[in-house]
């Protein structure tokens, strides 16, 4: 007797035209915002222009590069003539701008990172879905796309990574990615779901920045043994 097999229906792939439209709309802005957060950190650390440029590039393309390697896609910025110049242009802008614009009181790094987090989480999820990745792993690809660039930036800078702090960071990226993936499964309009998902991620991260929202840490009760 043949073994029974149960298969969940697979959601259809996103139309390629929709994915390309999303990339065209969000990629330059997302890369620039990510690069800005990297360049600003180097500025606060009083680094050289070479270091600032390196931080800008690594932060701008880090998450998307890891995503593309995991889903078997060509690494996006290697085949795009404009990605590296955009990152270097952002570094150049920061280098020649007044230092008072980027001091810790303005919190520009945090808000720039929040905007990039929401947008890039949606972009990563949508691209993974377009390459045939199932919705849950695709949402994880969105989290990787949104978060990994900032993690790499923090590690290179030698400071505690944002994901090692209780303040909400991965959770907003997960929210944006989950909304994007759920909208795909339900067959909802991408034109509605993608902006809503990006705004939800940005809104939650912004609330965490403003009100210092965080998740409870493990070990709230002392071990009595």
N, C-alpha and C. Protein backbone atom coordinates (compact mmCIF):
# COMPACT_ATOMS: atom_id res chain seq x y z
N UNK A 1 0.86 -1.19 0.00
CA UNK A 1 0.00 0.00 0.00
C UNK A 1 0.89 1.24 0.00
N UNK A 2 0.71 2.15 -0.94
CA UNK A 2 1.58 3.32 -1.00
C UNK A 2 1.37 4.23 0.20
N UNK A 3 2.46 4.82 0.65
CA UNK A 3 2.39 5.72 1.80
C UNK A 3 1.61 6.97 1.43
N UNK A 4 0.83 7.44 2.40
CA UNK A 4 0.08 8.67 2.18
C UNK A 4 1.01 9.87 2.34
N UNK A 5 0.82 10.84 1.51
CA UNK A 5 1.62 12.06 1.59
C UNK A 5 0.69 13.25 1.61
N UNK A 6 0.97 14.15 2.49
CA UNK A 6 0.16 15.35 2.61
C UNK A 6 1.00 16.54 2.19
N UNK A 7 0.43 17.37 1.34
CA UNK A 7 1.17 18.53 0.83
C UNK A 7 0.30 19.77 1.00
N UNK A 8 0.87 20.77 1.60
CA UNK A 8 0.18 22.05 1.67
C UNK A 8 0.27 22.74 0.32
N UNK A 9 -0.79 23.39 -0.11
CA UNK A 9 -0.73 24.09 -1.40
C UNK A 9 0.29 25.21 -1.35
N UNK A 10 1.10 25.28 -2.36
CA UNK A 10 2.13 26.32 -2.42
C UNK A 10 1.54 27.60 -2.97
N UNK A 11 1.88 28.69 -2.33
CA UNK A 11 1.41 29.98 -2.84
C UNK A 11 2.12 30.30 -4.14
N UNK A 12 1.43 30.94 -5.06
CA UNK A 12 2.07 31.27 -6.34
C UNK A 12 3.20 32.26 -6.15
N UNK A 13 4.17 32.20 -7.04
CA UNK A 13 5.28 33.14 -6.98
C UNK A 13 4.80 34.55 -7.28
N UNK A 14 5.49 35.51 -6.70
CA UNK A 14 5.18 36.89 -7.04
C UNK A 14 5.54 37.16 -8.49
N UNK A 15 4.72 37.91 -9.21
CA UNK A 15 5.07 38.25 -10.58
C UNK A 15 6.41 38.98 -10.63
N UNK A 16 7.22 38.61 -11.59
CA UNK A 16 8.54 39.21 -11.69
C UNK A 16 8.46 40.72 -11.84
N UNK A 17 7.45 41.18 -12.57
CA UNK A 17 7.32 42.63 -12.79
C UNK A 17 7.10 43.36 -11.47
N UNK A 18 6.31 42.74 -10.55
CA UNK A 18 6.08 43.36 -9.25
C UNK A 18 7.36 43.43 -8.43
N UNK A 19 8.15 42.35 -8.47
CA UNK A 19 9.40 42.33 -7.73
C UNK A 19 10.36 43.39 -8.27
N UNK A 20 10.46 43.48 -9.58
CA UNK A 20 11.35 44.49 -10.18
C UNK A 20 10.88 45.90 -9.83
N UNK A 21 9.57 46.10 -9.79
CA UNK A 21 9.06 47.41 -9.40
C UNK A 21 9.40 47.73 -7.97
N UNK A 22 9.30 46.73 -7.08
CA UNK A 22 9.67 46.93 -5.68
C UNK A 22 11.14 47.26 -5.53
N UNK A 23 11.97 46.51 -6.24
CA UNK A 23 13.41 46.76 -6.18
C UNK A 23 13.73 48.16 -6.68
N UNK A 24 13.12 48.55 -7.79
CA UNK A 24 13.37 49.88 -8.35
C UNK A 24 12.97 50.98 -7.38
N UNK A 25 11.86 50.75 -6.64
CA UNK A 25 11.35 51.78 -5.74
C UNK A 25 12.10 51.83 -4.42
N UNK A 26 12.43 50.66 -3.86
CA UNK A 26 12.97 50.61 -2.50
C UNK A 26 14.48 50.41 -2.43
N UNK A 27 15.06 49.72 -3.42
CA UNK A 27 16.47 49.37 -3.32
C UNK A 27 17.38 50.58 -3.18
N UNK A 28 17.30 51.58 -4.07
CA UNK A 28 18.21 52.73 -3.91
C UNK A 28 18.03 53.44 -2.57
N UNK A 29 16.77 53.62 -2.16
CA UNK A 29 16.52 54.30 -0.89
C UNK A 29 16.98 53.45 0.29
N UNK A 30 16.68 52.16 0.24
CA UNK A 30 17.09 51.28 1.33
C UNK A 30 18.59 51.19 1.47
N UNK A 31 19.28 51.07 0.34
CA UNK A 31 20.74 51.01 0.37
C UNK A 31 21.31 52.31 0.91
N UNK A 32 20.77 53.44 0.44
CA UNK A 32 21.27 54.74 0.88
C UNK A 32 21.06 54.94 2.37
N UNK A 33 19.89 54.53 2.88
CA UNK A 33 19.62 54.69 4.31
C UNK A 33 20.53 53.80 5.14
N UNK A 34 20.71 52.55 4.68
CA UNK A 34 21.64 51.67 5.38
C UNK A 34 23.05 52.20 5.37
N UNK A 35 23.48 52.69 4.20
CA UNK A 35 24.82 53.26 4.08
C UNK A 35 24.97 54.49 4.99
N UNK A 36 23.89 55.28 5.09
CA UNK A 36 23.93 56.47 5.95
C UNK A 36 24.17 56.09 7.40
N UNK A 37 23.48 55.06 7.89
CA UNK A 37 23.69 54.67 9.28
C UNK A 37 25.12 54.20 9.52
N UNK A 38 25.71 53.51 8.54
CA UNK A 38 27.11 53.09 8.67
C UNK A 38 28.07 54.26 8.65
N UNK A 39 27.85 55.18 7.72
CA UNK A 39 28.72 56.35 7.62
C UNK A 39 28.63 57.23 8.86
N UNK A 40 27.42 57.36 9.40
CA UNK A 40 27.24 58.20 10.59
C UNK A 40 27.93 57.61 11.81
N UNK A 41 27.92 56.30 11.92
CA UNK A 41 28.64 55.68 13.03
C UNK A 41 30.12 55.96 12.93
N UNK A 42 30.67 55.85 11.72
CA UNK A 42 32.09 56.16 11.53
C UNK A 42 32.37 57.63 11.84
N UNK A 43 31.41 58.52 11.51
CA UNK A 43 31.59 59.94 11.80
C UNK A 43 31.63 60.18 13.31
N UNK A 44 30.75 59.53 14.05
CA UNK A 44 30.75 59.69 15.50
C UNK A 44 32.03 59.16 16.12
N UNK A 45 32.61 58.15 15.48
CA UNK A 45 33.84 57.56 16.00
C UNK A 45 35.08 58.31 15.51
N UNK A 46 34.87 59.40 14.74
CA UNK A 46 35.97 60.23 14.23
C UNK A 46 36.95 59.41 13.38
N UNK A 47 36.41 58.62 12.47
CA UNK A 47 37.24 57.78 11.62
C UNK A 47 37.61 58.49 10.32
N UNK A 48 38.50 57.87 9.55
CA UNK A 48 38.93 58.44 8.27
C UNK A 48 37.84 58.22 7.22
N UNK A 49 38.01 58.88 6.08
CA UNK A 49 37.03 58.73 5.00
C UNK A 49 37.03 57.31 4.46
N UNK A 50 38.18 56.64 4.45
CA UNK A 50 38.23 55.26 3.98
C UNK A 50 37.38 54.37 4.88
N UNK A 51 37.54 54.53 6.19
CA UNK A 51 36.74 53.75 7.13
C UNK A 51 35.26 54.07 6.98
N UNK A 52 34.95 55.34 6.82
CA UNK A 52 33.56 55.76 6.66
C UNK A 52 32.95 55.12 5.41
N UNK A 53 33.69 55.11 4.33
CA UNK A 53 33.20 54.50 3.08
C UNK A 53 32.98 53.00 3.25
N UNK A 54 33.91 52.35 3.95
CA UNK A 54 33.79 50.92 4.18
C UNK A 54 32.55 50.62 5.01
N UNK A 55 32.33 51.39 6.06
CA UNK A 55 31.14 51.20 6.89
C UNK A 55 29.88 51.41 6.08
N UNK A 56 29.88 52.41 5.21
CA UNK A 56 28.70 52.69 4.39
C UNK A 56 28.38 51.53 3.47
N UNK A 57 29.40 51.00 2.81
CA UNK A 57 29.17 49.89 1.86
C UNK A 57 28.72 48.64 2.59
N UNK A 58 29.43 48.28 3.66
CA UNK A 58 29.10 47.05 4.39
C UNK A 58 27.69 47.10 4.96
N UNK A 59 27.31 48.25 5.52
CA UNK A 59 25.97 48.36 6.10
C UNK A 59 24.90 48.37 5.02
N UNK A 60 25.19 49.03 3.91
CA UNK A 60 24.20 49.12 2.84
C UNK A 60 23.91 47.81 2.15
N UNK A 61 24.93 46.96 1.97
CA UNK A 61 24.75 45.75 1.17
C UNK A 61 24.85 44.46 1.97
N UNK A 62 25.20 44.54 3.27
CA UNK A 62 25.47 43.34 4.05
C UNK A 62 24.31 42.37 4.13
N UNK A 63 23.14 42.85 4.54
CA UNK A 63 21.99 41.97 4.69
C UNK A 63 21.53 41.38 3.37
N UNK A 64 21.47 42.20 2.32
CA UNK A 64 21.05 41.70 1.02
C UNK A 64 22.01 40.69 0.44
N UNK A 65 23.30 40.86 0.72
CA UNK A 65 24.30 39.91 0.22
C UNK A 65 24.11 38.54 0.85
N UNK A 66 23.92 38.51 2.18
CA UNK A 66 23.70 37.23 2.87
C UNK A 66 22.43 36.57 2.36
N UNK A 67 21.38 37.36 2.21
CA UNK A 67 20.12 36.82 1.68
C UNK A 67 20.31 36.17 0.32
N UNK A 68 20.97 36.87 -0.60
CA UNK A 68 21.15 36.35 -1.95
C UNK A 68 21.96 35.06 -1.95
N UNK A 69 22.97 34.99 -1.11
CA UNK A 69 23.77 33.77 -1.02
C UNK A 69 22.92 32.61 -0.50
N UNK A 70 22.04 32.87 0.44
CA UNK A 70 21.22 31.80 1.02
C UNK A 70 20.15 31.30 0.07
N UNK A 71 19.57 32.17 -0.74
CA UNK A 71 18.49 31.74 -1.64
C UNK A 71 19.00 31.36 -3.02
N UNK A 72 20.32 31.43 -3.23
CA UNK A 72 20.89 31.03 -4.51
C UNK A 72 20.70 32.05 -5.61
N UNK A 73 20.56 33.32 -5.26
CA UNK A 73 20.40 34.39 -6.25
C UNK A 73 21.74 35.07 -6.49
N UNK A 74 21.92 35.67 -7.67
CA UNK A 74 23.13 36.47 -7.87
C UNK A 74 23.19 37.61 -6.85
N UNK A 75 24.34 37.81 -6.25
CA UNK A 75 24.47 38.87 -5.24
C UNK A 75 24.19 40.21 -5.92
N UNK A 76 23.18 40.90 -5.44
CA UNK A 76 22.58 42.00 -6.19
C UNK A 76 23.55 43.12 -6.53
N UNK A 77 24.39 43.51 -5.57
CA UNK A 77 25.20 44.70 -5.80
C UNK A 77 26.39 44.43 -6.71
N UNK A 78 26.78 43.16 -6.86
CA UNK A 78 27.88 42.82 -7.74
C UNK A 78 27.49 43.08 -9.20
N UNK A 79 26.20 42.93 -9.50
CA UNK A 79 25.72 43.08 -10.86
C UNK A 79 25.01 44.41 -11.10
N UNK A 80 25.08 45.30 -10.15
CA UNK A 80 24.44 46.61 -10.27
C UNK A 80 25.52 47.68 -10.23
N UNK A 81 25.64 48.43 -11.30
CA UNK A 81 26.72 49.42 -11.40
C UNK A 81 26.53 50.60 -10.45
N UNK A 82 25.33 50.78 -9.88
CA UNK A 82 25.05 51.98 -9.11
C UNK A 82 25.10 51.78 -7.60
N UNK A 83 25.08 50.55 -7.13
CA UNK A 83 24.99 50.33 -5.68
C UNK A 83 26.20 50.88 -4.93
N UNK A 84 27.39 50.47 -5.34
CA UNK A 84 28.60 50.95 -4.67
C UNK A 84 28.74 52.47 -4.76
N UNK A 85 28.50 53.10 -5.94
CA UNK A 85 28.57 54.55 -5.98
C UNK A 85 27.57 55.25 -5.06
N UNK A 86 26.38 54.67 -4.89
CA UNK A 86 25.41 55.26 -3.97
C UNK A 86 25.96 55.26 -2.55
N UNK A 87 26.53 54.12 -2.13
CA UNK A 87 27.10 54.04 -0.78
C UNK A 87 28.25 55.03 -0.60
N UNK A 88 29.12 55.10 -1.59
CA UNK A 88 30.25 56.03 -1.50
C UNK A 88 29.78 57.48 -1.54
N UNK A 89 28.72 57.74 -2.31
CA UNK A 89 28.18 59.10 -2.34
C UNK A 89 27.61 59.52 -1.00
N UNK A 90 26.95 58.59 -0.32
CA UNK A 90 26.43 58.88 1.02
C UNK A 90 27.58 59.17 1.98
N UNK A 91 28.65 58.36 1.91
CA UNK A 91 29.81 58.61 2.77
C UNK A 91 30.41 59.97 2.48
N UNK A 92 30.48 60.35 1.22
CA UNK A 92 31.02 61.65 0.84
C UNK A 92 30.16 62.78 1.40
N UNK A 93 28.84 62.62 1.35
CA UNK A 93 27.94 63.63 1.88
C UNK A 93 28.15 63.81 3.38
N UNK A 94 28.26 62.70 4.10
CA UNK A 94 28.47 62.78 5.54
C UNK A 94 29.81 63.43 5.86
N UNK A 95 30.83 63.07 5.09
CA UNK A 95 32.18 63.59 5.34
C UNK A 95 32.24 65.11 5.26
N UNK A 96 31.50 65.70 4.33
CA UNK A 96 31.56 67.15 4.12
C UNK A 96 30.43 67.90 4.83
N UNK A 97 29.65 67.21 5.65
CA UNK A 97 28.57 67.88 6.37
C UNK A 97 29.03 68.25 7.77
N UNK A 98 28.38 69.23 8.41
CA UNK A 98 28.78 69.64 9.77
C UNK A 98 28.57 68.50 10.77
N UNK A 99 29.51 68.33 11.66
CA UNK A 99 29.44 67.25 12.65
C UNK A 99 28.24 67.40 13.57
N UNK A 100 27.78 68.64 13.79
CA UNK A 100 26.66 68.85 14.71
C UNK A 100 25.36 68.21 14.19
N UNK A 101 25.29 67.96 12.87
CA UNK A 101 24.09 67.32 12.33
C UNK A 101 23.94 65.89 12.82
N UNK A 102 25.04 65.26 13.18
CA UNK A 102 25.02 63.83 13.46
C UNK A 102 25.32 63.50 14.91
N UNK A 103 25.21 64.46 15.83
CA UNK A 103 25.52 64.15 17.22
C UNK A 103 24.45 63.23 17.81
N UNK A 104 24.73 62.70 18.97
CA UNK A 104 23.87 61.69 19.56
C UNK A 104 22.50 62.25 19.94
N UNK A 105 22.40 63.55 20.16
CA UNK A 105 21.12 64.13 20.53
C UNK A 105 20.11 64.06 19.39
N UNK A 106 20.59 64.12 18.14
CA UNK A 106 19.67 64.09 17.00
C UNK A 106 19.14 62.69 16.74
N UNK A 107 19.87 61.67 17.14
CA UNK A 107 19.47 60.26 16.98
C UNK A 107 19.22 59.92 15.51
N UNK A 108 19.95 60.57 14.62
CA UNK A 108 19.74 60.33 13.18
C UNK A 108 20.07 58.89 12.82
N UNK A 109 21.14 58.34 13.42
CA UNK A 109 21.51 56.96 13.10
C UNK A 109 20.35 56.01 13.40
N UNK A 110 19.73 56.16 14.56
CA UNK A 110 18.67 55.25 14.96
C UNK A 110 17.47 55.35 14.01
N UNK A 111 17.09 56.59 13.65
CA UNK A 111 15.92 56.75 12.78
C UNK A 111 16.23 56.34 11.35
N UNK A 112 17.43 56.58 10.88
CA UNK A 112 17.81 56.11 9.54
C UNK A 112 17.81 54.59 9.50
N UNK A 113 18.31 53.98 10.55
CA UNK A 113 18.34 52.53 10.62
C UNK A 113 16.92 51.96 10.67
N UNK A 114 16.02 52.64 11.38
CA UNK A 114 14.63 52.18 11.48
C UNK A 114 13.95 52.20 10.12
N UNK A 115 14.17 53.27 9.35
CA UNK A 115 13.57 53.35 8.02
C UNK A 115 14.09 52.26 7.11
N UNK A 116 15.40 52.04 7.13
CA UNK A 116 15.98 50.99 6.31
C UNK A 116 15.54 49.61 6.75
N UNK A 117 15.35 49.43 8.04
CA UNK A 117 14.95 48.13 8.58
C UNK A 117 13.61 47.68 8.02
N UNK A 118 12.61 48.57 8.07
CA UNK A 118 11.29 48.21 7.57
C UNK A 118 11.26 47.97 6.08
N UNK A 119 11.88 48.87 5.33
CA UNK A 119 11.86 48.74 3.88
C UNK A 119 12.62 47.52 3.40
N UNK A 120 13.79 47.28 3.99
CA UNK A 120 14.62 46.17 3.53
C UNK A 120 14.08 44.82 3.95
N UNK A 121 13.37 44.75 5.08
CA UNK A 121 12.74 43.49 5.47
C UNK A 121 11.69 43.08 4.46
N UNK A 122 10.91 44.04 3.98
CA UNK A 122 9.90 43.76 2.95
C UNK A 122 10.57 43.35 1.65
N UNK A 123 11.59 44.08 1.25
CA UNK A 123 12.30 43.76 0.01
C UNK A 123 12.89 42.36 0.06
N UNK A 124 13.51 42.01 1.17
CA UNK A 124 14.12 40.68 1.28
C UNK A 124 13.09 39.57 1.23
N UNK A 125 11.96 39.77 1.90
CA UNK A 125 10.90 38.76 1.88
C UNK A 125 10.34 38.60 0.48
N UNK A 126 10.05 39.71 -0.18
CA UNK A 126 9.48 39.66 -1.52
C UNK A 126 10.42 38.99 -2.52
N UNK A 127 11.70 39.27 -2.42
CA UNK A 127 12.66 38.66 -3.33
C UNK A 127 12.76 37.16 -3.08
N UNK A 128 12.78 36.75 -1.82
CA UNK A 128 12.83 35.32 -1.51
C UNK A 128 11.60 34.60 -2.04
N UNK A 129 10.42 35.21 -1.87
CA UNK A 129 9.20 34.61 -2.40
C UNK A 129 9.26 34.48 -3.92
N UNK A 130 9.82 35.48 -4.57
CA UNK A 130 9.93 35.44 -6.02
C UNK A 130 10.85 34.33 -6.50
N UNK A 131 11.81 33.94 -5.66
CA UNK A 131 12.72 32.84 -6.01
C UNK A 131 12.19 31.49 -5.55
N UNK A 132 10.93 31.44 -5.15
CA UNK A 132 10.31 30.17 -4.81
C UNK A 132 10.50 29.70 -3.39
N UNK A 133 11.00 30.54 -2.51
CA UNK A 133 11.18 30.17 -1.11
C UNK A 133 9.81 30.16 -0.43
N UNK A 134 9.56 29.19 0.43
CA UNK A 134 8.30 29.09 1.15
C UNK A 134 8.11 30.32 2.06
N UNK A 135 6.85 30.65 2.40
CA UNK A 135 6.59 31.90 3.13
C UNK A 135 7.37 32.08 4.43
N UNK A 136 7.44 31.03 5.28
CA UNK A 136 8.13 31.21 6.57
C UNK A 136 9.63 31.43 6.37
N UNK A 137 10.35 30.59 5.60
CA UNK A 137 11.76 30.90 5.34
C UNK A 137 11.94 32.23 4.61
N UNK A 138 10.99 32.59 3.76
CA UNK A 138 11.09 33.88 3.06
C UNK A 138 11.03 35.04 4.05
N UNK A 139 10.15 34.91 5.06
CA UNK A 139 10.08 35.95 6.09
C UNK A 139 11.40 36.03 6.86
N UNK A 140 12.03 34.89 7.12
CA UNK A 140 13.33 34.91 7.78
C UNK A 140 14.39 35.58 6.90
N UNK A 141 14.28 35.39 5.59
CA UNK A 141 15.19 36.10 4.68
C UNK A 141 14.98 37.61 4.77
N UNK A 142 13.73 38.01 5.00
CA UNK A 142 13.47 39.43 5.18
C UNK A 142 14.12 39.97 6.45
N UNK A 143 14.06 39.20 7.53
CA UNK A 143 14.72 39.61 8.77
C UNK A 143 16.22 39.73 8.56
N UNK A 144 16.79 38.76 7.87
CA UNK A 144 18.23 38.80 7.59
C UNK A 144 18.59 40.03 6.76
N UNK A 145 17.77 40.30 5.74
CA UNK A 145 18.04 41.46 4.89
C UNK A 145 18.00 42.75 5.68
N UNK A 146 17.04 42.87 6.58
CA UNK A 146 16.90 44.10 7.32
C UNK A 146 17.92 44.29 8.43
N UNK A 147 18.37 43.19 9.04
CA UNK A 147 19.16 43.29 10.27
C UNK A 147 20.66 43.08 10.10
N UNK A 148 21.06 42.23 9.18
CA UNK A 148 22.45 41.76 9.17
C UNK A 148 23.43 42.88 8.85
N UNK A 149 23.06 43.80 7.98
CA UNK A 149 23.97 44.91 7.68
C UNK A 149 24.34 45.71 8.93
N UNK A 150 23.33 45.99 9.77
CA UNK A 150 23.60 46.71 11.01
C UNK A 150 24.40 45.90 11.99
N UNK A 151 24.17 44.58 12.01
CA UNK A 151 24.94 43.72 12.90
C UNK A 151 26.41 43.71 12.49
N UNK A 152 26.67 43.57 11.19
CA UNK A 152 28.06 43.58 10.70
C UNK A 152 28.72 44.91 11.04
N UNK A 153 27.98 46.00 10.83
CA UNK A 153 28.51 47.34 11.16
C UNK A 153 28.93 47.42 12.61
N UNK A 154 28.07 46.96 13.52
CA UNK A 154 28.38 47.05 14.95
C UNK A 154 29.56 46.17 15.34
N UNK A 155 29.63 44.98 14.75
CA UNK A 155 30.74 44.07 15.08
C UNK A 155 32.06 44.68 14.64
N UNK A 156 32.11 45.22 13.42
CA UNK A 156 33.35 45.83 12.93
C UNK A 156 33.73 47.03 13.79
N UNK A 157 32.71 47.78 14.24
CA UNK A 157 32.98 48.97 15.06
C UNK A 157 33.40 48.60 16.48
N UNK A 158 33.25 47.32 16.85
CA UNK A 158 33.64 46.91 18.19
C UNK A 158 32.71 47.37 19.28
N UNK A 159 31.43 47.55 18.93
CA UNK A 159 30.46 47.94 19.95
C UNK A 159 29.40 46.86 20.06
N UNK A 160 28.68 46.79 21.19
CA UNK A 160 27.66 45.76 21.35
C UNK A 160 26.61 45.87 20.26
N UNK A 161 26.33 44.76 19.62
CA UNK A 161 25.34 44.77 18.55
C UNK A 161 23.96 45.07 19.09
N UNK A 162 23.14 45.72 18.27
CA UNK A 162 21.79 46.07 18.68
C UNK A 162 20.97 44.82 19.01
N UNK A 163 21.27 43.69 18.37
CA UNK A 163 20.49 42.48 18.64
C UNK A 163 20.84 41.87 20.00
N UNK A 164 21.92 42.33 20.62
CA UNK A 164 22.30 41.85 21.95
C UNK A 164 21.72 42.72 23.05
N UNK A 165 20.92 43.70 22.67
CA UNK A 165 20.27 44.55 23.65
C UNK A 165 18.78 44.25 23.66
N UNK A 166 18.10 44.49 24.79
CA UNK A 166 16.67 44.15 24.86
C UNK A 166 15.78 45.03 23.99
N UNK A 167 16.24 46.20 23.58
CA UNK A 167 15.42 47.10 22.78
C UNK A 167 14.98 46.42 21.48
N UNK A 168 13.72 46.63 21.10
CA UNK A 168 13.16 45.96 19.93
C UNK A 168 13.91 46.34 18.67
N UNK A 169 14.44 45.35 17.97
CA UNK A 169 15.12 45.57 16.70
C UNK A 169 14.78 44.47 15.70
N UNK A 170 15.06 43.23 16.06
CA UNK A 170 14.70 42.12 15.18
C UNK A 170 13.18 41.99 15.08
N UNK A 171 12.47 42.25 16.17
CA UNK A 171 11.01 42.11 16.17
C UNK A 171 10.34 43.00 15.13
N UNK A 172 10.70 44.29 14.97
CA UNK A 172 10.09 45.08 13.91
C UNK A 172 10.37 44.52 12.51
N UNK A 173 11.59 44.03 12.30
CA UNK A 173 11.89 43.41 11.00
C UNK A 173 11.05 42.17 10.79
N UNK A 174 10.87 41.38 11.85
CA UNK A 174 10.03 40.18 11.75
C UNK A 174 8.58 40.55 11.48
N UNK A 175 8.09 41.62 12.07
CA UNK A 175 6.72 42.07 11.83
C UNK A 175 6.53 42.44 10.37
N UNK A 176 7.43 43.25 9.84
CA UNK A 176 7.32 43.66 8.44
C UNK A 176 7.40 42.46 7.51
N UNK A 177 8.32 41.54 7.78
CA UNK A 177 8.48 40.36 6.95
C UNK A 177 7.25 39.46 7.02
N UNK A 178 6.70 39.28 8.21
CA UNK A 178 5.53 38.42 8.39
C UNK A 178 4.32 38.98 7.66
N UNK A 179 4.12 40.28 7.74
CA UNK A 179 2.99 40.89 7.03
C UNK A 179 3.14 40.70 5.52
N UNK A 180 4.35 40.88 5.02
CA UNK A 180 4.61 40.70 3.59
C UNK A 180 4.32 39.26 3.17
N UNK A 181 4.84 38.30 3.94
CA UNK A 181 4.63 36.88 3.60
C UNK A 181 3.17 36.48 3.73
N UNK A 182 2.49 36.97 4.77
CA UNK A 182 1.08 36.64 4.96
C UNK A 182 0.22 37.21 3.84
N UNK A 183 0.52 38.43 3.43
CA UNK A 183 -0.20 39.02 2.32
C UNK A 183 -0.05 38.21 1.04
N UNK A 184 1.15 37.67 0.84
CA UNK A 184 1.40 36.82 -0.32
C UNK A 184 0.57 35.54 -0.26
N UNK A 185 0.53 34.90 0.91
CA UNK A 185 -0.23 33.66 1.08
C UNK A 185 -1.73 33.90 0.86
N UNK A 186 -2.22 35.05 1.34
CA UNK A 186 -3.64 35.36 1.22
C UNK A 186 -4.00 35.91 -0.14
N UNK A 187 -3.02 36.15 -0.99
CA UNK A 187 -3.29 36.66 -2.33
C UNK A 187 -3.69 38.12 -2.36
N UNK A 188 -3.27 38.90 -1.35
CA UNK A 188 -3.61 40.31 -1.30
C UNK A 188 -2.74 41.12 -2.26
N UNK A 189 -3.18 42.32 -2.55
CA UNK A 189 -2.47 43.19 -3.48
C UNK A 189 -1.11 43.59 -2.91
N UNK A 190 -0.06 43.39 -3.70
CA UNK A 190 1.27 43.80 -3.25
C UNK A 190 1.35 45.31 -3.04
N UNK A 191 0.64 46.05 -3.86
CA UNK A 191 0.65 47.51 -3.74
C UNK A 191 0.11 47.97 -2.39
N UNK A 192 -0.74 47.16 -1.78
CA UNK A 192 -1.27 47.48 -0.45
C UNK A 192 -0.40 46.88 0.65
N UNK A 193 0.00 45.63 0.47
CA UNK A 193 0.69 44.90 1.54
C UNK A 193 2.08 45.44 1.77
N UNK A 194 2.85 45.66 0.72
CA UNK A 194 4.26 46.05 0.90
C UNK A 194 4.43 47.38 1.64
N UNK A 195 3.72 48.46 1.25
CA UNK A 195 3.86 49.70 2.03
C UNK A 195 3.38 49.53 3.47
N UNK A 196 2.28 48.78 3.65
CA UNK A 196 1.76 48.56 5.00
C UNK A 196 2.78 47.82 5.86
N UNK A 197 3.42 46.80 5.29
CA UNK A 197 4.41 46.02 6.03
C UNK A 197 5.62 46.89 6.40
N UNK A 198 6.11 47.67 5.43
CA UNK A 198 7.27 48.53 5.70
C UNK A 198 6.94 49.56 6.78
N UNK A 199 5.75 50.16 6.72
CA UNK A 199 5.36 51.15 7.72
C UNK A 199 5.18 50.51 9.09
N UNK A 200 4.67 49.28 9.13
CA UNK A 200 4.50 48.59 10.41
C UNK A 200 5.86 48.34 11.06
N UNK A 201 6.83 47.87 10.27
CA UNK A 201 8.17 47.65 10.81
C UNK A 201 8.81 48.94 11.28
N UNK A 202 8.69 49.98 10.47
CA UNK A 202 9.26 51.27 10.86
C UNK A 202 8.57 51.84 12.10
N UNK A 203 7.23 51.69 12.14
CA UNK A 203 6.49 52.22 13.29
C UNK A 203 6.86 51.54 14.59
N UNK A 204 6.99 50.21 14.55
CA UNK A 204 7.35 49.50 15.78
C UNK A 204 8.77 49.84 16.21
N UNK A 205 9.67 49.92 15.26
CA UNK A 205 11.05 50.29 15.61
C UNK A 205 11.11 51.73 16.12
N UNK A 206 10.34 52.62 15.50
CA UNK A 206 10.30 54.00 15.96
C UNK A 206 9.75 54.12 17.37
N UNK A 207 8.72 53.32 17.68
CA UNK A 207 8.18 53.31 19.04
C UNK A 207 9.22 52.81 20.04
N UNK A 208 10.00 51.80 19.62
CA UNK A 208 11.05 51.29 20.50
C UNK A 208 12.12 52.35 20.76
N UNK A 209 12.45 53.12 19.73
CA UNK A 209 13.45 54.19 19.89
C UNK A 209 12.92 55.27 20.83
N UNK A 210 11.68 55.67 20.61
CA UNK A 210 11.12 56.80 21.36
C UNK A 210 10.84 56.44 22.82
N UNK A 211 10.27 55.24 23.04
CA UNK A 211 9.86 54.86 24.39
C UNK A 211 10.76 53.81 25.02
N UNK A 212 11.84 53.47 24.33
CA UNK A 212 12.78 52.47 24.84
C UNK A 212 12.08 51.14 25.13
N UNK A 213 11.26 50.71 24.19
CA UNK A 213 10.56 49.45 24.35
C UNK A 213 11.52 48.28 24.17
N UNK A 214 11.36 47.25 24.96
CA UNK A 214 12.23 46.10 24.86
C UNK A 214 11.53 44.83 25.30
N UNK A 215 12.13 43.71 24.98
CA UNK A 215 11.61 42.42 25.39
C UNK A 215 12.23 42.03 26.74
N UNK A 216 11.50 41.28 27.55
CA UNK A 216 12.08 40.84 28.83
C UNK A 216 13.24 39.88 28.60
N UNK A 217 14.26 39.99 29.42
CA UNK A 217 15.43 39.13 29.31
C UNK A 217 15.22 37.84 30.08
N UNK A 218 15.94 36.82 29.68
CA UNK A 218 15.88 35.51 30.38
C UNK A 218 16.48 35.65 31.79
N UNK A 219 15.93 34.90 32.73
CA UNK A 219 16.52 34.87 34.07
C UNK A 219 15.95 35.91 34.98
N UNK A 220 14.65 36.22 34.83
CA UNK A 220 14.04 37.20 35.70
C UNK A 220 14.01 36.75 37.14
N UNK A 221 13.98 35.44 37.36
CA UNK A 221 13.99 34.93 38.73
C UNK A 221 15.33 34.25 39.01
N UNK A 222 15.83 34.46 40.18
CA UNK A 222 17.11 33.87 40.55
C UNK A 222 16.99 32.36 40.67
N UNK A 223 18.04 31.67 40.26
CA UNK A 223 18.07 30.22 40.43
C UNK A 223 18.36 29.89 41.89
N UNK A 224 17.44 29.18 42.52
CA UNK A 224 17.59 28.92 43.97
C UNK A 224 18.36 27.65 44.27
N UNK A 225 18.74 26.91 43.24
CA UNK A 225 19.46 25.65 43.49
C UNK A 225 20.94 25.91 43.76
